[in-house]
Protein backbone atom coordinates (compact mmCIF):
# COMPACT_ATOMS: atom_id res chain seq x y z
CA UNK A 1 3.97 -5.03 -20.32
CA UNK A 2 7.20 -7.66 -20.75
CA UNK A 3 10.14 -4.99 -20.95
CA UNK A 4 13.81 -5.30 -21.15
CA UNK A 5 15.58 -4.98 -17.79
CA UNK A 6 19.51 -4.62 -16.93
CA UNK A 7 20.84 -7.81 -14.76
CA UNK A 8 22.80 -5.53 -12.64
CA UNK A 9 19.17 -3.60 -11.12
CA UNK A 10 18.29 -7.56 -10.26
CA UNK A 11 18.08 -7.72 -6.80
CA UNK A 12 19.66 -10.89 -6.15
CA UNK A 13 20.11 -10.48 -2.63
CA UNK A 14 16.28 -10.16 -1.77
CA UNK A 15 15.95 -13.57 -3.68
CA UNK A 16 19.16 -15.02 -1.34
CA UNK A 17 17.27 -13.73 2.25
CA UNK A 18 13.52 -15.20 1.15
CA UNK A 19 15.11 -18.39 0.36
CA UNK A 20 17.58 -18.74 2.87
CA UNK A 21 14.75 -18.40 5.59
CA UNK A 22 11.71 -20.62 3.73
CA UNK A 23 14.59 -23.22 3.60
CA UNK A 24 14.64 -22.68 7.03
CA UNK A 25 11.18 -22.75 7.81
CA UNK A 26 10.57 -25.94 5.71
CA UNK A 27 13.38 -27.66 8.66
CA UNK A 28 11.86 -26.62 11.36
CA UNK A 29 8.39 -27.93 9.67
CA UNK A 30 9.76 -31.03 9.02
CA UNK A 31 10.60 -31.36 12.62
CA UNK A 32 7.37 -30.55 13.92
CA UNK A 33 5.52 -32.28 11.54
CA UNK A 34 7.20 -34.28 8.76
CA UNK A 35 3.79 -35.20 6.67
CA UNK A 36 4.06 -31.09 6.07
CA UNK A 37 7.73 -30.66 4.52
CA UNK A 38 7.18 -31.92 1.10
CA UNK A 39 4.45 -29.75 0.81
CA UNK A 40 6.25 -26.72 1.91
CA UNK A 41 9.04 -27.61 -0.35
CA UNK A 42 6.94 -28.15 -3.69
CA UNK A 43 5.40 -24.93 -2.33
CA UNK A 44 8.41 -23.17 -2.23
CA UNK A 45 9.84 -24.28 -5.63
CA UNK A 46 6.14 -23.11 -7.12
CA UNK A 47 6.53 -19.79 -5.26
CA UNK A 48 10.14 -18.97 -6.32
CA UNK A 49 8.80 -19.42 -9.82
CA UNK A 50 6.27 -17.52 -9.41
CA UNK A 51 8.28 -14.86 -7.62
CA UNK A 52 10.84 -14.67 -10.58
CA UNK A 53 7.73 -14.19 -12.87
CA UNK A 54 5.86 -11.76 -11.73
CA UNK A 55 9.33 -9.93 -11.48
CA UNK A 56 9.69 -9.71 -15.39
CA UNK A 57 6.15 -8.03 -15.87
CA UNK A 58 5.73 -4.80 -15.74
CA UNK A 59 4.51 -3.31 -12.62
CA UNK A 60 3.03 -0.14 -13.68
CA UNK A 61 1.18 -2.17 -16.26
CA UNK A 62 -0.30 -4.52 -14.18
CA UNK A 63 -1.64 -1.68 -12.28
CA UNK A 64 -3.90 -0.32 -14.69
CA UNK A 65 -6.32 -2.96 -13.76
CA UNK A 66 -6.51 -1.86 -9.89
CA UNK A 67 -10.14 -1.65 -10.11
CA UNK A 68 -10.46 -5.33 -11.10
CA UNK A 69 -7.94 -6.27 -8.91
CA UNK A 70 -10.30 -4.95 -5.50
CA UNK A 71 -13.57 -6.55 -6.94
CA UNK A 72 -11.71 -9.84 -7.07
CA UNK A 73 -9.95 -9.58 -3.83
CA UNK A 74 -13.99 -8.67 -2.69
CA UNK A 75 -15.20 -11.91 -4.48
CA UNK A 76 -13.35 -13.77 -3.08
CA UNK A 77 -13.52 -13.03 0.81
CA UNK A 78 -17.36 -12.86 0.31
CA UNK A 79 -17.28 -16.79 -1.39
CA UNK A 80 -15.61 -17.15 2.20
CA UNK A 81 -18.90 -17.24 3.70
CA UNK A 82 -20.88 -18.82 1.12
CA UNK A 83 -20.93 -22.68 0.81
CA UNK A 84 -17.57 -22.78 -0.93
CA UNK A 85 -16.35 -21.67 2.41
CA UNK A 86 -14.40 -24.20 4.58
CA UNK A 87 -14.68 -24.11 8.52
CA UNK A 88 -12.28 -25.25 10.86
CA UNK A 89 -11.54 -24.85 14.05
CA UNK A 90 -14.37 -22.83 14.37
CA UNK A 91 -13.47 -20.19 11.83
CA UNK A 92 -14.18 -20.56 8.19
CA UNK A 93 -11.25 -18.79 6.12
CA UNK A 94 -10.85 -21.49 3.45
CA UNK A 95 -12.55 -21.96 -0.07
CA UNK A 96 -12.52 -25.56 -1.16
CA UNK A 97 -12.97 -25.37 -5.43
CA UNK A 98 -11.35 -28.50 -6.02
CA UNK A 99 -8.58 -27.30 -3.84
CA UNK A 100 -7.98 -25.71 -0.95
CA UNK A 101 -6.25 -22.31 -0.46
CA UNK A 102 -6.83 -18.84 1.85
CA UNK A 103 -8.21 -16.01 -0.05
CA UNK A 104 -7.07 -13.89 3.07
CA UNK A 105 -3.30 -14.43 2.45
CA UNK A 106 -3.96 -13.21 -1.70
CA UNK A 107 -6.16 -10.48 -0.74
CA UNK A 108 -3.76 -8.92 1.28
CA UNK A 109 -1.16 -8.32 -1.89
CA UNK A 110 -3.98 -7.61 -3.82
CA UNK A 111 -4.63 -4.51 -1.36
CA UNK A 112 -1.46 -3.34 -1.51
CA UNK A 113 -1.49 -3.58 -4.92
CA UNK A 114 -4.51 -2.04 -5.23
CA UNK A 115 -4.01 1.19 -2.78
CA UNK A 116 -0.78 1.94 -4.67
CA UNK A 117 -2.46 2.94 -7.50
CA UNK A 118 -5.32 4.17 -5.77
CA UNK A 119 -3.29 6.83 -4.14
CA UNK A 120 -1.32 7.15 -6.95
CA UNK A 121 -4.46 7.93 -8.99
CA UNK A 122 -5.61 10.11 -6.92
CA UNK A 123 -2.71 12.22 -5.95
CA UNK A 124 -3.41 15.10 -8.09
CA UNK A 125 -7.02 15.14 -9.04
CA UNK A 126 -8.83 14.79 -5.23
CA UNK A 127 -8.41 16.78 -2.07
CA UNK A 128 -6.45 14.38 0.12
CA UNK A 129 -9.17 13.81 2.73
CA UNK A 130 -11.68 13.37 0.04
CA UNK A 131 -9.06 10.28 -1.06
CA UNK A 132 -8.63 9.28 2.42
CA UNK A 133 -12.74 9.05 3.25
CA UNK A 134 -13.06 7.17 0.00
CA UNK A 135 -9.96 4.64 1.05
CA UNK A 136 -11.32 4.16 4.25
CA UNK A 137 -14.73 2.90 2.99
CA UNK A 138 -13.37 0.35 0.38
CA UNK A 139 -10.92 -0.97 3.34
CA UNK A 140 -14.00 -1.45 5.27
CA UNK A 141 -15.61 -3.69 3.09
CA UNK A 142 -12.56 -5.54 3.11
CA UNK A 143 -12.31 -5.71 7.07
CA UNK A 144 -15.79 -6.54 7.75
CA UNK A 145 -15.77 -9.67 5.41
CA UNK A 146 -12.43 -10.76 6.81
CA UNK A 147 -13.69 -9.93 10.46
CA UNK A 148 -16.89 -12.08 10.09
CA UNK A 149 -14.78 -15.38 9.07
CA UNK A 150 -13.80 -14.47 12.03
CA UNK A 151 -9.89 -13.56 11.52
CA UNK A 152 -9.21 -11.36 14.27
CA UNK A 153 -5.56 -11.17 13.52
CA UNK A 154 -5.55 -10.50 10.07
CA UNK A 155 -8.08 -8.06 10.31
CA UNK A 156 -5.47 -5.90 12.62
CA UNK A 157 -2.50 -7.07 10.23
CA UNK A 158 -4.50 -5.51 7.13
CA UNK A 159 -5.86 -2.52 8.78
CA UNK A 160 -2.70 -1.36 10.10
CA UNK A 161 -0.82 -2.40 6.27
CA UNK A 162 -3.74 0.06 5.70
CA UNK A 163 -2.40 3.00 7.97
CA UNK A 164 1.09 2.48 6.12
CA UNK A 165 -0.04 2.98 2.74
CA UNK A 166 -1.97 6.34 4.01
CA UNK A 167 1.21 7.55 5.45
CA UNK A 168 3.39 7.11 3.37
CA UNK A 169 1.18 8.37 0.08
CA UNK A 170 1.85 11.82 1.82
CA UNK A 171 -0.30 12.12 4.66
CA UNK A 172 -0.45 15.49 6.13
CA UNK A 173 0.89 15.61 10.23
CA UNK A 174 -2.36 18.02 10.34
CA UNK A 175 -4.91 15.07 9.48
CA UNK A 176 -2.71 12.26 11.75
CA UNK A 177 -2.61 14.47 14.35
CA UNK A 178 -6.45 14.85 13.90
CA UNK A 179 -7.06 11.25 13.71
CA UNK A 180 -5.32 10.53 16.67
CA UNK A 181 -6.98 12.80 18.66
CA UNK A 182 -10.51 10.89 17.86
CA UNK A 183 -8.63 6.94 17.21
CA UNK A 184 -7.26 7.46 20.80
CA UNK A 185 -10.22 8.06 23.20
CA UNK A 186 -12.02 5.58 20.95
CA UNK A 187 -9.52 3.04 21.37
CA UNK A 188 -9.68 3.65 25.12
CA UNK A 189 -13.69 3.55 24.90
CA UNK A 190 -13.66 0.19 23.16
CA UNK A 191 -11.35 -1.67 25.73
CA UNK A 192 -13.72 -0.76 28.50
CA UNK A 193 -16.52 -2.15 26.63
CA UNK A 194 -14.25 -5.53 25.67
CA UNK A 195 -13.37 -5.67 29.36
CA UNK A 196 -17.56 -5.69 30.27
CA UNK A 197 -18.81 -9.17 31.04
CA UNK A 198 -21.77 -9.07 28.35
CA UNK A 199 -20.14 -7.95 25.39
CA UNK A 200 -20.64 -8.13 21.48
CA UNK A 201 -18.16 -7.09 19.36
CA UNK A 202 -15.78 -9.99 19.70
CA UNK A 203 -16.92 -13.97 19.99
CA UNK A 204 -16.61 -15.91 23.54
CA UNK A 205 -13.79 -17.28 22.48
CA UNK A 206 -11.78 -14.74 21.75
CA UNK A 207 -12.52 -12.92 24.73
CA UNK A 208 -11.60 -16.09 26.64
CA UNK A 209 -7.93 -15.54 24.81
CA UNK A 210 -7.87 -11.98 26.23
CA UNK A 211 -8.35 -13.03 29.87
CA UNK A 212 -6.37 -16.17 29.18
CA UNK A 213 -3.46 -13.91 28.36
CA UNK A 214 -4.24 -11.71 31.44
CA UNK A 215 -5.05 -14.19 33.95
CA UNK A 216 -3.22 -17.86 32.88
CA UNK A 217 -3.94 -19.08 36.14
CA UNK A 218 -7.69 -18.77 36.00
CA UNK A 219 -8.00 -19.73 32.68
CA UNK A 220 -5.80 -22.93 32.11
CA UNK A 221 -7.81 -24.57 29.31
CA UNK A 222 -7.58 -21.45 27.25
CA UNK A 223 -3.99 -20.50 27.90
CA UNK A 224 -2.06 -23.95 27.62
CA UNK A 225 -1.09 -22.84 24.07
CA UNK A 226 0.84 -19.82 24.85
CA UNK A 227 2.56 -21.21 28.19
CA UNK A 228 3.20 -24.57 26.88
CA UNK A 229 4.98 -22.02 23.41
CA UNK A 230 6.98 -20.25 26.33
CA UNK A 231 7.86 -22.96 28.15
CA UNK A 232 9.37 -24.56 24.78
CA UNK A 233 11.36 -21.62 23.94
CA UNK A 234 12.77 -21.10 26.90
CA UNK A 235 13.83 -24.78 27.09
CA UNK A 236 16.02 -24.29 23.99
CA UNK A 237 18.25 -21.69 26.03
CA UNK A 238 21.12 -20.85 23.65
CA UNK A 239 22.07 -23.28 21.21
CA UNK A 240 18.50 -25.07 21.41
CA UNK A 241 18.09 -29.15 21.29
CA UNK A 242 18.74 -29.57 17.67
CA UNK A 243 16.08 -30.18 14.79
CA UNK A 244 14.48 -33.90 14.89
CA UNK A 245 15.43 -34.57 18.55
CA UNK A 246 13.69 -37.16 20.31
CA UNK A 247 14.31 -36.05 24.13
CA UNK A 248 11.30 -37.00 25.99
CA UNK A 249 11.09 -33.81 28.10
CA UNK A 250 10.59 -32.00 24.50
CA UNK A 251 7.30 -29.64 24.32
CA UNK A 252 7.08 -30.66 20.56
CA UNK A 253 7.22 -34.19 20.73
CA UNK A 254 4.95 -34.23 24.29
CA UNK A 255 2.25 -32.71 21.38
CA UNK A 256 1.78 -30.03 24.18
CA UNK A 257 0.89 -27.38 21.05
CA UNK A 258 -1.65 -28.00 18.23
CA UNK A 259 -0.49 -27.40 15.31
CA UNK A 260 3.17 -26.15 15.83
CA UNK A 261 3.73 -26.63 11.91
CA UNK A 262 1.61 -22.66 11.57
CA UNK A 263 0.60 -20.77 13.99
CA UNK A 264 3.28 -21.65 16.85
CA UNK A 265 6.36 -22.69 14.58
CA UNK A 266 8.26 -20.02 16.81
CA UNK A 267 7.68 -21.96 19.79
CA UNK A 268 9.51 -25.10 17.70
CA UNK A 269 12.39 -23.01 16.44
CA UNK A 270 13.22 -21.93 19.67
CA UNK A 271 12.95 -24.81 21.39
CA UNK A 272 15.22 -26.83 18.41
CA UNK A 273 17.19 -24.23 17.54
CA UNK A 274 17.36 -21.88 20.93
CA UNK A 275 17.95 -18.25 21.46
CA UNK A 276 20.81 -18.25 18.41
CA UNK A 277 17.98 -19.15 15.67
CA UNK A 278 15.31 -17.61 16.99
CA UNK A 279 17.55 -14.48 16.29
CA UNK A 280 18.41 -15.90 12.98
CA UNK A 281 14.64 -15.64 11.85
CA UNK A 282 14.11 -12.40 12.83
CA UNK A 283 16.89 -11.06 11.41
CA UNK A 284 16.00 -12.53 8.39
CA UNK A 285 12.32 -11.38 8.63
CA UNK A 286 14.15 -7.85 9.54
CA UNK A 287 16.84 -8.01 6.12
CA UNK A 288 14.08 -8.58 3.59
CA UNK A 289 11.40 -5.84 5.06
CA UNK A 290 14.74 -3.85 5.13
CA UNK A 291 15.46 -4.54 1.66
CA UNK A 292 12.21 -3.71 0.20
CA UNK A 293 12.18 -0.56 2.20
CA UNK A 294 15.17 0.45 0.35
CA UNK A 295 13.76 -0.42 -3.67
CA UNK A 296 10.87 1.46 -2.33
CA UNK A 297 13.57 4.65 -2.11
CA UNK A 298 14.18 4.33 -5.46
CA UNK A 299 11.05 3.83 -7.03
CA UNK A 300 10.00 6.11 -10.46
CA UNK A 301 6.32 6.37 -9.20
CA UNK A 302 4.54 6.95 -6.00
CA UNK A 303 2.92 3.28 -6.51
CA UNK A 304 6.42 1.43 -6.62
CA UNK A 305 7.20 3.31 -3.54
CA UNK A 306 3.69 2.42 -2.04
CA UNK A 307 4.23 -1.39 -3.09
CA UNK A 308 7.96 -2.00 -1.25
CA UNK A 309 6.41 0.14 1.52
CA UNK A 310 3.83 -2.10 1.98
CA UNK A 311 5.41 -5.64 1.32
CA UNK A 312 7.73 -4.42 4.23
CA UNK A 313 4.77 -3.16 6.52
CA UNK A 314 3.04 -6.62 6.09
CA UNK A 315 6.39 -8.77 6.80
CA UNK A 316 6.76 -6.57 9.42
CA UNK A 317 3.33 -6.13 11.63
CA UNK A 318 2.58 -10.24 10.75
CA UNK A 319 6.20 -11.28 12.06
CA UNK A 320 5.67 -9.27 14.79
CA UNK A 321 2.40 -10.35 15.87
CA UNK A 322 2.91 -13.97 14.72
CA UNK A 323 6.35 -13.75 17.42
CA UNK A 324 4.55 -11.80 20.17
CA UNK A 325 1.81 -14.86 20.90
CA UNK A 326 4.34 -17.57 20.74
CA UNK A 327 6.09 -15.43 23.47
CA UNK A 328 3.01 -14.11 25.57
CA UNK A 329 3.30 -11.12 24.68
CA UNK A 330 -0.30 -10.63 23.21
CA UNK A 331 -3.30 -12.44 23.27
CA UNK A 332 -3.53 -15.66 21.88
CA UNK A 333 -4.58 -15.03 17.80
CA UNK A 334 -4.00 -17.25 14.83
CA UNK A 335 -1.48 -15.99 12.14
CA UNK A 336 1.10 -17.39 10.11
CA UNK A 337 4.71 -16.67 10.33
CA UNK A 338 6.29 -15.14 6.52
CA UNK A 339 7.69 -17.47 4.63
CA UNK A 340 8.62 -20.13 7.80
CA UNK A 341 5.01 -21.48 8.69
CA UNK A 342 3.25 -23.96 6.68
CA UNK A 343 0.59 -22.80 4.21
CA UNK A 344 0.90 -22.93 0.48
CA UNK A 345 -1.38 -19.99 0.36
CA UNK A 346 0.70 -17.61 2.37
CA UNK A 347 4.14 -18.62 1.42
CA UNK A 348 3.10 -18.24 -2.51
CA UNK A 349 1.49 -15.17 -2.00
CA UNK A 350 4.54 -13.74 -0.13
CA UNK A 351 6.43 -14.41 -3.18
CA UNK A 352 4.36 -12.72 -5.49
CA UNK A 353 4.42 -9.75 -3.16
CA UNK A 354 8.55 -9.73 -3.20
CA UNK A 355 7.97 -10.83 -7.47
CA UNK A 356 6.31 -7.34 -7.44
CA UNK A 357 9.22 -5.54 -5.17
CA UNK A 358 11.76 -6.73 -7.59
CA UNK A 359 9.94 -5.95 -11.10
CA UNK A 360 9.91 -1.75 -8.90
CA UNK A 361 13.39 -2.77 -8.27
CA UNK A 362 14.51 -3.03 -12.20
CA UNK A 363 12.64 0.31 -13.08
CA UNK A 364 14.21 2.34 -10.49
CA UNK A 365 14.82 5.96 -10.94
CA UNK A 366 17.94 7.28 -12.57
CA UNK A 367 20.23 9.69 -10.30
């Protein structure tokens, strides 16, 4: 379980990027709403401790319990829909068992671990097509439970993450072309159906967000969050207005964007740190994802490569969606910005995921 490692193999650089980004996030959260700053600080301390602790455990031993990991993740998602679930802002995404947390954040990491071992264990025993069909069934259960919360943004992120894991597991290009040949027409048909007035595939409030993104002038009540976010980012210009500023014309100070410490934290960063601050956040997110990929290249087994690729993909996709929503590139959908947004479950879960990546780095194959 615990092994002896060489200190020279420990990726301190990755820990540095994570802590730097998280500390920047704490400063921005304090400016957005100082009631949450201390909680996020304690979350970072707990997350770093968990990250270092997990990094010293042999990930190959933990992956022996991969079916238990899948079962626990499924139960956690199911509990959200039980009486233990907590509803806020028309969404049921949390569990209260004396303390409140969001299972979908934990499940993302658990799914990476599960499919890392699942694809490795079936690499030589079962045909690739059968493995894919079985894995689609398994992920389908998880996606259904997440979608029913409803949590469309997490559903999309998990689906994209699953596609990356399949590809990295050694999927044949022939199978990829076959899937695309079916997938692209299905997407076109699906989009056509979604634009119909009485469609039942997504809820009414989700559909309004799409319409508000396409025609904000016709849906001002649903478009104001994104429109104010774009104004806030633009008003920061190059250097920003400074953290904790008291400008009367500040979008943040005027409470024009609700929940600025979570889904729209990038808008606060844009207004107060400007273009340079936003570039710093994007660069740090990129450096963390890139470091994960570099570690994965030298993993001794396929499961290690998939863990690193999965974490890199998760950070990339979640960052892309959060920033794209804040800048109006895609319709409004709530999801945290990794290591920056307020959310103890999200922060600690990402730190644990980085801990597994660090352990993969400690067990690289030797050339």
